[in-house]
Amino acid sequence: MAKLKITQTRSAVGQSPAHHGTLRALGLGKIGRSAEHPESPTLAGMLRKVRHLVRVEGESDTDA
């Protein structure tokens, strides 16, 4: 399963509480902080919600 590296690029100040919660659930919260998560439909929905605040980079599995 592919992993995605998610990096917060913009501040959550002024965003809705739902956006704050989504960033927290992703393991983010400060600009420049990154987290890696396996690709899934749930993750895709979370990223769609905060796409204006984050940068997503894909990584392919090479040990399969």
PDB file of N, CA and C in Angstrom:
ATOM      1  N   MET A   1       0.848  -1.180   0.000  1.00  0.00           N
ATOM      2  CA  MET A   1       0.000   0.000   0.000  1.00  0.00           C
ATOM      3  C   MET A   1       0.894   1.245   0.000  1.00  0.00           C
ATOM      4  N   ALA A   2       0.552   2.206  -0.812  1.00  0.00           N
ATOM      5  CA  ALA A   2       1.351   3.419  -0.931  1.00  0.00           C
ATOM      6  C   ALA A   2       1.176   4.313   0.297  1.00  0.00           C
ATOM      7  N   LYS A   3       2.240   5.028   0.622  1.00  0.00           N
ATOM      8  CA  LYS A   3       2.182   5.985   1.720  1.00  0.00           C
ATOM      9  C   LYS A   3       2.184   7.384   1.136  1.00  0.00           C
ATOM     10  N   LEU A   4       1.523   8.278   1.838  1.00  0.00           N
ATOM     11  CA  LEU A   4       1.489   9.674   1.436  1.00  0.00           C
ATOM     12  C   LEU A   4       2.150  10.504   2.516  1.00  0.00           C
ATOM     13  N   LYS A   5       3.001  11.426   2.094  1.00  0.00           N
ATOM     14  CA  LYS A   5       3.622  12.366   3.025  1.00  0.00           C
ATOM     15  C   LYS A   5       2.825  13.658   2.942  1.00  0.00           C
ATOM     16  N   ILE A   6       2.288  14.081   4.087  1.00  0.00           N
ATOM     17  CA  ILE A   6       1.445  15.267   4.157  1.00  0.00           C
ATOM     18  C   ILE A   6       2.174  16.323   4.969  1.00  0.00           C
ATOM     19  N   THR A   7       2.317  17.519   4.407  1.00  0.00           N
ATOM     20  CA  THR A   7       3.003  18.618   5.075  1.00  0.00           C
ATOM     21  C   THR A   7       2.064  19.812   5.150  1.00  0.00           C
ATOM     22  N   GLN A   8       1.949  20.392   6.339  1.00  0.00           N
ATOM     23  CA  GLN A   8       1.116  21.577   6.490  1.00  0.00           C
ATOM     24  C   GLN A   8       1.875  22.776   5.946  1.00  0.00           C
ATOM     25  N   THR A   9       1.233  23.527   5.045  1.00  0.00           N
ATOM     26  CA  THR A   9       1.888  24.664   4.399  1.00  0.00           C
ATOM     27  C   THR A   9       1.272  25.999   4.782  1.00  0.00           C
ATOM     28  N   ARG A  10       0.058  25.986   5.337  1.00  0.00           N
ATOM     29  CA  ARG A  10      -0.610  27.227   5.715  1.00  0.00           C
ATOM     30  C   ARG A  10      -1.172  27.096   7.120  1.00  0.00           C
ATOM     31  N   SER A  11      -1.367  28.223   7.758  1.00  0.00           N
ATOM     32  CA  SER A  11      -1.878  28.268   9.123  1.00  0.00           C
ATOM     33  C   SER A  11      -3.361  27.917   9.165  1.00  0.00           C
ATOM     34  N   ALA A  12      -3.775  27.324  10.288  1.00  0.00           N
ATOM     35  CA  ALA A  12      -5.174  26.996  10.488  1.00  0.00           C
ATOM     36  C   ALA A  12      -5.922  28.114  11.211  1.00  0.00           C
ATOM     37  N   VAL A  13      -5.227  29.197  11.527  1.00  0.00           N
ATOM     38  CA  VAL A  13      -5.877  30.330  12.194  1.00  0.00           C
ATOM     39  C   VAL A  13      -6.961  30.887  11.274  1.00  0.00           C
ATOM     40  N   GLY A  14      -8.140  31.061  11.812  1.00  0.00           N
ATOM     41  CA  GLY A  14      -9.247  31.581  11.033  1.00  0.00           C
ATOM     42  C   GLY A  14     -10.049  30.512  10.311  1.00  0.00           C
ATOM     43  N   GLN A  15      -9.627  29.270  10.397  1.00  0.00           N
ATOM     44  CA  GLN A  15     -10.354  28.167   9.769  1.00  0.00           C
ATOM     45  C   GLN A  15     -11.418  27.649  10.725  1.00  0.00           C
ATOM     46  N   SER A  16     -12.298  26.830  10.221  1.00  0.00           N
ATOM     47  CA  SER A  16     -13.373  26.292  11.051  1.00  0.00           C
ATOM     48  C   SER A  16     -12.818  25.271  12.044  1.00  0.00           C
ATOM     49  N   PRO A  17     -13.531  25.030  13.124  1.00  0.00           N
ATOM     50  CA  PRO A  17     -13.099  24.007  14.094  1.00  0.00           C
ATOM     51  C   PRO A  17     -12.947  22.631  13.451  1.00  0.00           C
ATOM     52  N   ALA A  18     -13.745  22.337  12.429  1.00  0.00           N
ATOM     53  CA  ALA A  18     -13.623  21.054  11.738  1.00  0.00           C
ATOM     54  C   ALA A  18     -12.267  20.932  11.050  1.00  0.00           C
ATOM     55  N   HIS A  19     -11.768  22.021  10.485  1.00  0.00           N
ATOM     56  CA  HIS A  19     -10.462  21.994   9.835  1.00  0.00           C
ATOM     57  C   HIS A  19      -9.357  21.799  10.870  1.00  0.00           C
ATOM     58  N   HIS A  20      -9.482  22.467  12.019  1.00  0.00           N
ATOM     59  CA  HIS A  20      -8.508  22.286  13.097  1.00  0.00           C
ATOM     60  C   HIS A  20      -8.465  20.824  13.525  1.00  0.00           C
ATOM     61  N   GLY A  21      -9.632  20.233  13.685  1.00  0.00           N
ATOM     62  CA  GLY A  21      -9.714  18.839  14.106  1.00  0.00           C
ATOM     63  C   GLY A  21      -9.133  17.888  13.076  1.00  0.00           C
ATOM     64  N   THR A  22      -9.378  18.163  11.828  1.00  0.00           N
ATOM     65  CA  THR A  22      -8.839  17.315  10.760  1.00  0.00           C
ATOM     66  C   THR A  22      -7.319  17.377  10.737  1.00  0.00           C
ATOM     67  N   LEU A  23      -6.757  18.570  10.881  1.00  0.00           N
ATOM     68  CA  LEU A  23      -5.298  18.695  10.925  1.00  0.00           C
ATOM     69  C   LEU A  23      -4.730  17.922  12.109  1.00  0.00           C
ATOM     70  N   ARG A  24      -5.377  18.020  13.271  1.00  0.00           N
ATOM     71  CA  ARG A  24      -4.922  17.297  14.459  1.00  0.00           C
ATOM     72  C   ARG A  24      -4.966  15.790  14.217  1.00  0.00           C
ATOM     73  N   ALA A  25      -6.048  15.312  13.600  1.00  0.00           N
ATOM     74  CA  ALA A  25      -6.189  13.883  13.325  1.00  0.00           C
ATOM     75  C   ALA A  25      -5.120  13.397  12.346  1.00  0.00           C
ATOM     76  N   LEU A  26      -4.655  14.297  11.488  1.00  0.00           N
ATOM     77  CA  LEU A  26      -3.596  13.945  10.538  1.00  0.00           C
ATOM     78  C   LEU A  26      -2.215  14.003  11.190  1.00  0.00           C
ATOM     79  N   GLY A  27      -2.138  14.494  12.419  1.00  0.00           N
ATOM     80  CA  GLY A  27      -0.849  14.600  13.103  1.00  0.00           C
ATOM     81  C   GLY A  27      -0.130  15.889  12.786  1.00  0.00           C
ATOM     82  N   LEU A  28      -0.880  16.894  12.346  1.00  0.00           N
ATOM     83  CA  LEU A  28      -0.300  18.181  11.995  1.00  0.00           C
ATOM     84  C   LEU A  28      -0.747  19.221  13.018  1.00  0.00           C
ATOM     85  N   GLY A  29      -0.487  20.478  12.776  1.00  0.00           N
ATOM     86  CA  GLY A  29      -0.915  21.520  13.685  1.00  0.00           C
ATOM     87  C   GLY A  29      -0.030  22.747  13.617  1.00  0.00           C
ATOM     88  N   LYS A  30       1.169  22.589  13.069  1.00  0.00           N
ATOM     89  CA  LYS A  30       2.068  23.723  12.890  1.00  0.00           C
ATOM     90  C   LYS A  30       2.565  23.717  11.459  1.00  0.00           C
ATOM     91  N   ILE A  31       2.809  24.893  10.925  1.00  0.00           N
ATOM     92  CA  ILE A  31       3.315  25.008   9.562  1.00  0.00           C
ATOM     93  C   ILE A  31       4.670  24.310   9.473  1.00  0.00           C
ATOM     94  N   GLY A  32       4.837  23.506   8.441  1.00  0.00           N
ATOM     95  CA  GLY A  32       6.089  22.797   8.232  1.00  0.00           C
ATOM     96  C   GLY A  32       6.118  21.401   8.823  1.00  0.00           C
ATOM     97  N   ARG A  33       5.158  21.066   9.648  1.00  0.00           N
ATOM     98  CA  ARG A  33       5.116  19.730  10.246  1.00  0.00           C
ATOM     99  C   ARG A  33       4.626  18.731   9.208  1.00  0.00           C
ATOM    100  N   SER A  34       5.214  17.533   9.198  1.00  0.00           N
ATOM    101  CA  SER A  34       4.851  16.503   8.229  1.00  0.00           C
ATOM    102  C   SER A  34       4.439  15.225   8.935  1.00  0.00           C
ATOM    103  N   ALA A  35       3.647  14.430   8.235  1.00  0.00           N
ATOM    104  CA  ALA A  35       3.228  13.126   8.736  1.00  0.00           C
ATOM    105  C   ALA A  35       3.069  12.197   7.543  1.00  0.00           C
ATOM    106  N   GLU A  36       3.283  10.908   7.779  1.00  0.00           N
ATOM    107  CA  GLU A  36       3.094   9.904   6.729  1.00  0.00           C
ATOM    108  C   GLU A  36       1.936   9.007   7.116  1.00  0.00           C
ATOM    109  N   HIS A  37       1.071   8.738   6.137  1.00  0.00           N
ATOM    110  CA  HIS A  37      -0.092   7.887   6.365  1.00  0.00           C
ATOM    111  C   HIS A  37      -0.267   6.971   5.163  1.00  0.00           C
ATOM    112  N   PRO A  38      -0.763   5.738   5.385  1.00  0.00           N
ATOM    113  CA  PRO A  38      -1.072   4.869   4.241  1.00  0.00           C
ATOM    114  C   PRO A  38      -2.282   5.411   3.483  1.00  0.00           C
ATOM    115  N   GLU A  39      -2.257   5.246   2.192  1.00  0.00           N
ATOM    116  CA  GLU A  39      -3.332   5.740   1.341  1.00  0.00           C
ATOM    117  C   GLU A  39      -4.616   4.966   1.629  1.00  0.00           C
ATOM    118  N   SER A  40      -5.723   5.682   1.818  1.00  0.00           N
ATOM    119  CA  SER A  40      -7.015   5.047   2.084  1.00  0.00           C
ATOM    120  C   SER A  40      -8.125   6.023   1.711  1.00  0.00           C
ATOM    121  N   PRO A  41      -9.346   5.502   1.553  1.00  0.00           N
ATOM    122  CA  PRO A  41     -10.473   6.386   1.257  1.00  0.00           C
ATOM    123  C   PRO A  41     -10.737   7.390   2.386  1.00  0.00           C
ATOM    124  N   THR A  42     -10.544   6.973   3.627  1.00  0.00           N
ATOM    125  CA  THR A  42     -10.741   7.872   4.761  1.00  0.00           C
ATOM    126  C   THR A  42      -9.749   9.024   4.701  1.00  0.00           C
ATOM    127  N   LEU A  43      -8.494   8.708   4.437  1.00  0.00           N
ATOM    128  CA  LEU A  43      -7.465   9.734   4.337  1.00  0.00           C
ATOM    129  C   LEU A  43      -7.771  10.683   3.179  1.00  0.00           C
ATOM    130  N   ALA A  44      -8.244  10.150   2.064  1.00  0.00           N
ATOM    131  CA  ALA A  44      -8.576  10.991   0.907  1.00  0.00           C
ATOM    132  C   ALA A  44      -9.648  12.014   1.274  1.00  0.00           C
ATOM    133  N   GLY A  45     -10.647  11.606   2.050  1.00  0.00           N
ATOM    134  CA  GLY A  45     -11.691  12.533   2.476  1.00  0.00           C
ATOM    135  C   GLY A  45     -11.155  13.610   3.398  1.00  0.00           C
ATOM    136  N   MET A  46     -10.256  13.230   4.303  1.00  0.00           N
ATOM    137  CA  MET A  46      -9.660  14.211   5.214  1.00  0.00           C
ATOM    138  C   MET A  46      -8.832  15.224   4.438  1.00  0.00           C
ATOM    139  N   LEU A  47      -8.068  14.740   3.475  1.00  0.00           N
ATOM    140  CA  LEU A  47      -7.227  15.636   2.684  1.00  0.00           C
ATOM    141  C   LEU A  47      -8.062  16.566   1.815  1.00  0.00           C
ATOM    142  N   ARG A  48      -9.188  16.082   1.327  1.00  0.00           N
ATOM    143  CA  ARG A  48     -10.067  16.923   0.518  1.00  0.00           C
ATOM    144  C   ARG A  48     -10.589  18.095   1.351  1.00  0.00           C
ATOM    145  N   LYS A  49     -10.797  17.839   2.633  1.00  0.00           N
ATOM    146  CA  LYS A  49     -11.340  18.859   3.532  1.00  0.00           C
ATOM    147  C   LYS A  49     -10.332  19.987   3.802  1.00  0.00           C
ATOM    148  N   VAL A  50      -9.046  19.647   3.856  1.00  0.00           N
ATOM    149  CA  VAL A  50      -8.023  20.648   4.201  1.00  0.00           C
ATOM    150  C   VAL A  50      -6.993  20.828   3.082  1.00  0.00           C
ATOM    151  N   ARG A  51      -7.390  20.571   1.858  1.00  0.00           N
ATOM    152  CA  ARG A  51      -6.433  20.621   0.735  1.00  0.00           C
ATOM    153  C   ARG A  51      -5.798  21.981   0.550  1.00  0.00           C
ATOM    154  N   HIS A  52      -6.449  23.042   1.017  1.00  0.00           N
ATOM    155  CA  HIS A  52      -5.913  24.390   0.885  1.00  0.00           C
ATOM    156  C   HIS A  52      -4.857  24.697   1.950  1.00  0.00           C
ATOM    157  N   LEU A  53      -4.672  23.798   2.918  1.00  0.00           N
ATOM    158  CA  LEU A  53      -3.718  24.020   4.002  1.00  0.00           C
ATOM    159  C   LEU A  53      -2.506  23.086   3.957  1.00  0.00           C
ATOM    160  N   VAL A  54      -2.544  22.077   3.099  1.00  0.00           N
ATOM    161  CA  VAL A  54      -1.494  21.054   3.111  1.00  0.00           C
ATOM    162  C   VAL A  54      -0.924  20.799   1.714  1.00  0.00           C
ATOM    163  N   ARG A  55       0.245  20.160   1.686  1.00  0.00           N
ATOM    164  CA  ARG A  55       0.861  19.667   0.449  1.00  0.00           C
ATOM    165  C   ARG A  55       0.978  18.156   0.602  1.00  0.00           C
ATOM    166  N   VAL A  56       0.623  17.420  -0.432  1.00  0.00           N
ATOM    167  CA  VAL A  56       0.636  15.960  -0.383  1.00  0.00           C
ATOM    168  C   VAL A  56       1.642  15.452  -1.399  1.00  0.00           C
ATOM    169  N   GLU A  57       2.525  14.562  -0.927  1.00  0.00           N
ATOM    170  CA  GLU A  57       3.502  13.917  -1.806  1.00  0.00           C
ATOM    171  C   GLU A  57       3.292  12.423  -1.728  1.00  0.00           C
ATOM    172  N   GLY A  58       3.292  11.766  -2.871  1.00  0.00           N
ATOM    173  CA  GLY A  58       3.107  10.311  -2.902  1.00  0.00           C
ATOM    174  C   GLY A  58       4.423   9.579  -2.866  1.00  0.00           C
ATOM    175  N   GLU A  59       4.412   8.431  -2.206  1.00  0.00           N
ATOM    176  CA  GLU A  59       5.579   7.552  -2.181  1.00  0.00           C
ATOM    177  C   GLU A  59       5.107   6.173  -2.592  1.00  0.00           C
ATOM    178  N   SER A  60       5.851   5.513  -3.449  1.00  0.00           N
ATOM    179  CA  SER A  60       5.472   4.170  -3.859  1.00  0.00           C
ATOM    180  C   SER A  60       6.202   3.147  -3.010  1.00  0.00           C
ATOM    181  N   ASP A  61       5.549   2.023  -2.787  1.00  0.00           N
ATOM    182  CA  ASP A  61       6.174   0.925  -2.047  1.00  0.00           C
ATOM    183  C   ASP A  61       7.151   0.209  -2.960  1.00  0.00           C
ATOM    184  N   THR A  62       8.388   0.055  -2.510  1.00  0.00           N
ATOM    185  CA  THR A  62       9.385  -0.638  -3.329  1.00  0.00           C
ATOM    186  C   THR A  62       9.717  -2.010  -2.757  1.00  0.00           C
ATOM    187  N   ASP A  63       9.194  -2.349  -1.578  1.00  0.00           N
ATOM    188  CA  ASP A  63       9.495  -3.638  -0.973  1.00  0.00           C
ATOM    189  C   ASP A  63       8.374  -4.643  -1.178  1.00  0.00           C
ATOM    190  N   ALA A  64       7.529  -4.467  -2.161  1.00  0.00           N
ATOM    191  CA  ALA A  64       6.436  -5.391  -2.411  1.00  0.00           C
ATOM    192  C   ALA A  64       6.874  -6.546  -3.286  1.00  0.00           C
TER     193      ALA A  64
END
